[in-house]
Amino acid sequence: MKPTNKLHYYLYTFFRYFAGTMILIYAFAKIIGTQFTTSLLTYDTPIGELDGMDLVWFYFGYSYQYAVFIALSQIAVSFLLFFRKTVRLGAVLFLCIMANIIAVDIAFDVDFDAFIMAIILTFMGLFIFLSEFPLFIHYFITEPSLYQKDNMPNWVNKIHRIKFLYIPIVFFGFFGFLFYINNLEKNENDFYGVWQLEKGNPKFNKLYFERDSFQTVEFGKTKMDRRGRFTFDLTHKKITLKSYPNDYIKKIYSQANFVIDTTKRETLFNGNFELRNNILKLKNDNIELIFKKIR
């Protein structure tokens, strides 16, 4: 064996076993519960104040079953890398896992040390993959596909070029349609946002306006109390908030075939509004409320 071939063999073997061992360690950590652990402080921190690392760890650690699923996938890839006959499949799956990990690390600003390790393992996976790259090219590209023209019905051969019309129609058509629907539904108005009560004495402390719906949170609570829809008239500066109690919504949604009783909807507010410089005033004959937009 030539010196260069010998060096390649040593690196190839070392990278296979090192990458397989490391991903196996991470898998065991998920099963035992030493990875994706969340600080107790996280549970009492508003979600808007959590950083990317806390969000990722809380999300993946929320479901132990999901963590075990990831761990079993990593264990399978690890064993594929350990054996020469399955290393090619293992390398492809390993790179898929590492690409996802790196994307999460970058997008959510995960710990720098973890990111460096992910880069090192990805480099090793690429080395294994590229070592047999010609074989992958042959298998995935140059090797004849399952069905050739001679094996397909004649009518299929006559219209097979229609795919060059179908693909762009599907790609641009669906993208354009969903883009239009998203803009149509988004339609954010001046009320959109989170409003904190500054003056007044309603039953709620915060008011969350979205596209055409709203939610309220009572004093001393963090979970939604009511949800409903609102309508407004910019010309006459009128606004109406109608809602269902949260207990009623939970009861309805727990039923298999639910029908919402519109008579249960209550008018939470009906009157005039004034919106200026992130200050919202709601006023009618019975009440005057002042809110400040905080987000």
Protein backbone atom coordinates (compact mmCIF):
# COMPACT_ATOMS: atom_id res chain seq x y z
CA MET A 1 0.00 0.00 0.00
CA LYS A 2 1.35 3.42 -0.99
CA PRO A 3 2.08 5.89 1.82
CA THR A 4 -0.69 8.22 0.62
CA ASN A 5 -3.15 5.33 0.48
CA LYS A 6 -2.06 4.19 3.92
CA LEU A 7 -2.59 7.69 5.34
CA HIS A 8 -6.00 7.87 3.72
CA TYR A 9 -6.90 4.48 5.17
CA TYR A 10 -5.89 5.54 8.67
CA LEU A 11 -7.85 8.81 8.46
CA TYR A 12 -10.85 7.09 6.87
CA THR A 13 -10.98 4.46 9.61
CA PHE A 14 -10.34 6.93 12.44
CA PHE A 15 -13.02 9.34 11.22
CA ARG A 16 -15.57 6.50 10.88
CA TYR A 17 -15.07 5.31 14.41
CA PHE A 18 -14.67 8.76 15.98
CA ALA A 19 -17.82 10.13 14.32
CA GLY A 20 -19.76 6.97 15.15
CA THR A 21 -18.60 7.06 18.78
CA MET A 22 -19.37 10.75 19.29
CA ILE A 23 -22.87 10.52 17.85
CA LEU A 24 -23.44 7.44 20.00
CA ILE A 25 -22.46 9.42 23.10
CA TYR A 26 -24.92 12.15 22.19
CA ALA A 27 -27.62 9.51 21.68
CA PHE A 28 -27.03 7.98 25.12
CA ALA A 29 -27.12 11.47 26.67
CA LYS A 30 -30.60 12.01 25.23
CA ILE A 31 -31.87 8.68 26.53
CA ILE A 32 -30.38 9.12 30.00
CA GLY A 33 -31.59 12.72 30.15
CA THR A 34 -28.32 14.63 30.46
CA GLN A 35 -28.91 16.47 27.17
CA PHE A 36 -31.81 18.83 26.45
CA THR A 37 -32.14 19.57 30.16
CA THR A 38 -33.86 22.84 30.97
CA SER A 39 -33.04 25.14 33.87
CA LEU A 40 -35.84 25.62 36.36
CA LEU A 41 -35.52 29.36 35.81
CA THR A 42 -36.56 28.89 32.17
CA TYR A 43 -40.08 27.85 33.23
CA ASP A 44 -40.60 31.19 34.99
CA THR A 45 -39.07 33.33 32.23
CA PRO A 46 -41.40 34.96 29.66
CA ILE A 47 -40.91 33.30 26.29
CA GLY A 48 -40.08 36.64 24.69
CA GLU A 49 -37.05 36.95 26.99
CA LEU A 50 -35.57 33.51 26.27
CA ASP A 51 -32.53 33.34 24.02
CA GLY A 52 -32.12 30.89 21.14
CA MET A 53 -30.24 28.31 23.21
CA ASP A 54 -32.97 28.21 25.86
CA LEU A 55 -35.70 27.91 23.22
CA VAL A 56 -33.96 25.03 21.44
CA TRP A 57 -33.20 23.09 24.60
CA PHE A 58 -36.71 23.60 25.97
CA TYR A 59 -38.31 22.58 22.67
CA PHE A 60 -36.29 19.39 22.19
CA GLY A 61 -36.47 18.54 25.88
CA TYR A 62 -40.22 19.07 26.13
CA SER A 63 -40.97 15.57 24.82
CA TYR A 64 -38.82 12.71 26.08
CA GLN A 65 -40.30 10.46 23.38
CA TYR A 66 -39.05 12.80 20.66
CA ALA A 67 -35.60 12.91 22.24
CA VAL A 68 -35.52 9.09 22.27
CA PHE A 69 -36.55 9.04 18.60
CA ILE A 70 -33.60 11.27 17.73
CA ALA A 71 -31.32 9.12 19.89
CA LEU A 72 -32.40 5.90 18.16
CA SER A 73 -31.74 7.50 14.77
CA GLN A 74 -28.26 8.48 15.92
CA ILE A 75 -27.59 4.99 17.29
CA ALA A 76 -28.59 3.46 13.95
CA VAL A 77 -26.26 5.82 12.07
CA SER A 78 -23.47 5.06 14.51
CA PHE A 79 -23.67 1.32 13.82
CA LEU A 80 -23.83 1.94 10.08
CA LEU A 81 -20.52 3.80 10.32
CA PHE A 82 -18.87 1.03 12.32
CA PHE A 83 -19.21 -1.59 9.56
CA ARG A 84 -17.51 -1.31 6.16
CA LYS A 85 -20.46 -2.75 4.21
CA THR A 86 -22.87 -0.12 5.56
CA VAL A 87 -20.55 2.86 5.90
CA ARG A 88 -21.76 4.49 2.67
CA LEU A 89 -25.35 4.60 3.84
CA GLY A 90 -24.14 5.67 7.27
CA ALA A 91 -22.14 8.56 5.80
CA VAL A 92 -25.16 9.93 3.91
CA LEU A 93 -27.46 9.72 6.93
CA PHE A 94 -24.74 11.09 9.22
CA LEU A 95 -24.32 14.17 7.01
CA CYS A 96 -28.09 14.71 7.00
CA ILE A 97 -28.13 14.70 10.80
CA MET A 98 -25.10 17.00 11.05
CA ALA A 99 -26.47 19.45 8.48
CA ASN A 100 -29.60 19.83 10.60
CA ILE A 101 -27.56 20.27 13.78
CA ILE A 102 -25.37 22.96 12.20
CA ALA A 103 -28.43 24.78 10.86
CA VAL A 104 -29.97 24.80 14.35
CA ASP A 105 -26.68 25.93 15.94
CA ILE A 106 -26.36 28.86 13.54
CA ALA A 107 -30.03 29.88 13.46
CA PHE A 108 -30.49 29.80 17.24
CA ASP A 109 -27.01 30.86 18.31
CA VAL A 110 -26.32 27.66 20.25
CA ASP A 111 -23.21 27.32 22.41
CA PHE A 112 -20.02 27.98 20.40
CA ASP A 113 -18.21 24.86 21.67
CA ALA A 114 -21.10 22.67 20.50
CA PHE A 115 -21.02 24.41 17.13
CA ILE A 116 -17.26 23.75 16.72
CA MET A 117 -17.76 20.07 17.51
CA ALA A 118 -20.57 19.89 14.95
CA ILE A 119 -18.25 21.43 12.33
CA ILE A 120 -15.50 18.89 13.14
CA LEU A 121 -17.89 15.94 12.91
CA THR A 122 -19.34 17.27 9.67
CA PHE A 123 -15.84 17.55 8.21
CA MET A 124 -15.20 13.93 9.13
CA GLY A 125 -18.47 12.88 7.55
CA LEU A 126 -17.60 14.76 4.37
CA PHE A 127 -14.20 13.08 4.27
CA ILE A 128 -15.85 9.65 4.43
CA PHE A 129 -18.45 10.63 1.84
CA LEU A 130 -15.98 12.18 -0.61
CA SER A 131 -13.65 9.20 -0.28
CA GLU A 132 -16.18 7.20 -2.29
CA PHE A 133 -17.74 10.07 -4.19
CA PRO A 134 -17.38 8.41 -7.64
CA LEU A 135 -19.47 5.50 -6.38
CA PHE A 136 -22.20 7.87 -5.23
CA ILE A 137 -22.17 9.63 -8.61
CA HIS A 138 -22.48 6.29 -10.36
CA TYR A 139 -25.29 5.06 -8.13
CA PHE A 140 -27.38 8.20 -7.91
CA ILE A 141 -26.78 9.76 -11.35
CA THR A 142 -25.18 7.56 -14.01
CA GLU A 143 -26.87 4.31 -13.03
CA PRO A 144 -30.03 3.87 -15.20
CA SER A 145 -33.29 4.70 -13.46
CA LEU A 146 -35.82 2.03 -12.53
CA TYR A 147 -38.04 2.57 -15.58
CA GLN A 148 -36.57 3.28 -19.01
CA LYS A 149 -38.45 4.37 -22.13
CA ASP A 150 -38.58 0.82 -23.43
CA ASN A 151 -40.35 -0.28 -20.23
CA MET A 152 -42.97 2.45 -20.15
CA PRO A 153 -46.31 2.64 -22.04
CA ASN A 154 -46.14 4.47 -25.37
CA TRP A 155 -48.61 7.15 -24.32
CA VAL A 156 -46.39 8.02 -21.36
CA ASN A 157 -43.36 8.44 -23.66
CA LYS A 158 -45.37 10.80 -25.86
CA ILE A 159 -46.34 13.16 -23.05
CA HIS A 160 -43.34 12.83 -20.74
CA ARG A 161 -42.09 16.29 -21.75
CA ILE A 162 -45.15 17.80 -20.13
CA LYS A 163 -43.23 17.66 -16.84
CA PHE A 164 -41.17 20.64 -18.03
CA LEU A 165 -44.42 22.60 -18.04
CA TYR A 166 -45.91 20.99 -14.93
CA ILE A 167 -42.91 21.60 -12.66
CA PRO A 168 -42.67 25.40 -13.12
CA ILE A 169 -46.47 25.73 -12.90
CA VAL A 170 -46.50 23.85 -9.58
CA PHE A 171 -43.43 25.64 -8.24
CA PHE A 172 -44.31 29.22 -9.14
CA GLY A 173 -48.07 28.71 -9.04
CA PHE A 174 -48.26 27.38 -5.51
CA PHE A 175 -45.62 29.80 -4.27
CA GLY A 176 -47.50 32.74 -5.76
CA PHE A 177 -50.85 31.50 -4.45
CA LEU A 178 -49.59 30.96 -0.90
CA PHE A 179 -47.75 34.29 -0.98
CA TYR A 180 -50.99 36.02 -1.99
CA ILE A 181 -53.00 34.23 0.71
CA ASN A 182 -50.42 35.10 3.35
CA ASN A 183 -50.49 38.80 2.45
CA LEU A 184 -54.27 38.73 2.29
CA GLU A 185 -54.57 37.17 5.75
CA LYS A 186 -51.73 39.14 7.30
CA ASN A 187 -53.35 42.53 6.78
CA GLU A 188 -51.94 43.87 10.03
CA ASN A 189 -53.76 46.94 11.33
CA ASP A 190 -52.73 49.68 13.73
CA PHE A 191 -54.07 47.68 16.67
CA TYR A 192 -51.74 44.73 16.02
CA GLY A 193 -49.51 44.05 19.04
CA VAL A 194 -49.46 43.62 22.82
CA TRP A 195 -51.10 46.35 24.91
CA GLN A 196 -50.47 46.83 28.63
CA LEU A 197 -53.14 48.48 30.77
CA GLU A 198 -52.03 51.88 32.09
CA LYS A 199 -55.29 53.28 33.45
CA GLY A 200 -58.72 51.85 34.15
CA ASN A 201 -60.15 48.87 35.93
CA PRO A 202 -61.24 46.10 33.55
CA LYS A 203 -61.01 42.38 34.29
CA PHE A 204 -57.87 42.02 32.23
CA ASN A 205 -54.36 43.43 32.37
CA LYS A 206 -53.13 42.80 28.82
CA LEU A 207 -54.80 42.94 25.45
CA TYR A 208 -53.36 41.04 22.47
CA PHE A 209 -54.56 42.22 19.08
CA GLU A 210 -53.84 40.12 16.00
CA ARG A 211 -55.34 40.26 12.49
CA ASP A 212 -59.02 40.26 13.34
CA SER A 213 -58.92 38.50 16.70
CA PHE A 214 -57.84 39.36 20.22
CA GLN A 215 -56.99 37.70 23.52
CA THR A 216 -56.93 38.98 27.08
CA VAL A 217 -54.97 38.02 30.20
CA GLU A 218 -56.27 38.66 33.70
CA PHE A 219 -54.28 40.40 36.40
CA GLY A 220 -51.70 38.15 38.04
CA LYS A 221 -51.99 35.51 35.33
CA THR A 222 -49.89 34.57 32.31
CA LYS A 223 -52.34 32.40 30.39
CA MET A 224 -55.15 33.58 28.17
CA ASP A 225 -58.46 34.40 29.83
CA ARG A 226 -60.62 35.26 26.82
CA ARG A 227 -60.43 35.16 23.07
CA GLY A 228 -62.66 36.67 20.46
CA ARG A 229 -62.92 38.92 17.43
CA PHE A 230 -63.00 42.65 17.04
CA THR A 231 -64.33 45.03 14.43
CA PHE A 232 -63.53 48.71 14.06
CA ASP A 233 -64.62 51.72 12.06
CA LEU A 234 -61.79 54.14 11.30
CA THR A 235 -64.17 56.85 10.10
CA HIS A 236 -66.24 57.06 13.25
CA LYS A 237 -63.51 55.76 15.59
CA LYS A 238 -65.68 52.91 16.82
CA ILE A 239 -64.49 49.51 18.03
CA THR A 240 -66.29 46.41 19.29
CA LEU A 241 -64.70 43.45 21.10
CA LYS A 242 -66.77 40.28 21.39
CA SER A 243 -65.37 37.21 23.11
CA TYR A 244 -65.99 33.77 24.54
CA PRO A 245 -64.82 32.85 28.06
CA ASN A 246 -61.75 30.62 27.91
CA ASP A 247 -63.43 27.92 30.01
CA TYR A 248 -66.19 27.67 27.42
CA ILE A 249 -63.66 27.44 24.56
CA LYS A 250 -61.78 24.63 26.32
CA LYS A 251 -65.01 22.74 26.93
CA ILE A 252 -66.09 23.08 23.30
CA TYR A 253 -62.71 22.05 21.86
CA SER A 254 -62.64 18.94 24.07
CA GLN A 255 -65.68 17.58 22.23
CA ALA A 256 -65.31 15.48 19.09
CA ASN A 257 -67.98 17.27 17.07
CA PHE A 258 -68.27 20.71 18.55
CA VAL A 259 -70.57 23.51 17.53
CA ILE A 260 -69.90 26.95 18.98
CA ASP A 261 -72.98 28.57 20.45
CA THR A 262 -72.84 32.20 19.31
CA THR A 263 -75.23 33.19 22.11
CA LYS A 264 -72.36 32.52 24.52
CA ARG A 265 -70.38 35.34 22.95
CA GLU A 266 -70.20 38.39 25.17
CA THR A 267 -69.52 42.00 24.26
CA LEU A 268 -66.37 42.83 26.16
CA PHE A 269 -66.26 46.41 24.93
CA ASN A 270 -68.24 48.60 22.57
CA GLY A 271 -67.42 52.25 22.17
CA ASN A 272 -64.93 54.77 20.85
CA PHE A 273 -61.18 54.48 20.46
CA GLU A 274 -58.27 56.86 20.10
CA LEU A 275 -54.94 55.57 18.83
CA ARG A 276 -51.87 57.81 18.94
CA ASN A 277 -48.13 57.30 19.60
CA ASN A 278 -48.51 53.71 20.84
CA ILE A 279 -51.25 54.78 23.24
CA LEU A 280 -54.72 53.28 22.86
CA LYS A 281 -57.73 54.78 24.60
CA LEU A 282 -61.03 52.92 24.79
CA LYS A 283 -64.02 54.86 26.05
CA ASN A 284 -67.78 54.52 26.33
CA ASP A 285 -70.45 55.70 28.77
CA ASN A 286 -69.37 53.26 31.46
CA ILE A 287 -65.59 52.96 31.27
CA GLU A 288 -62.39 54.58 30.08
CA LEU A 289 -59.27 52.49 29.51
CA ILE A 290 -55.77 53.53 28.50
CA PHE A 291 -53.29 51.00 27.11
CA LYS A 292 -49.65 51.32 26.11
CA LYS A 293 -48.19 49.19 23.32
CA ILE A 294 -45.27 47.18 24.69
CA ARG A 295 -44.60 44.86 21.75
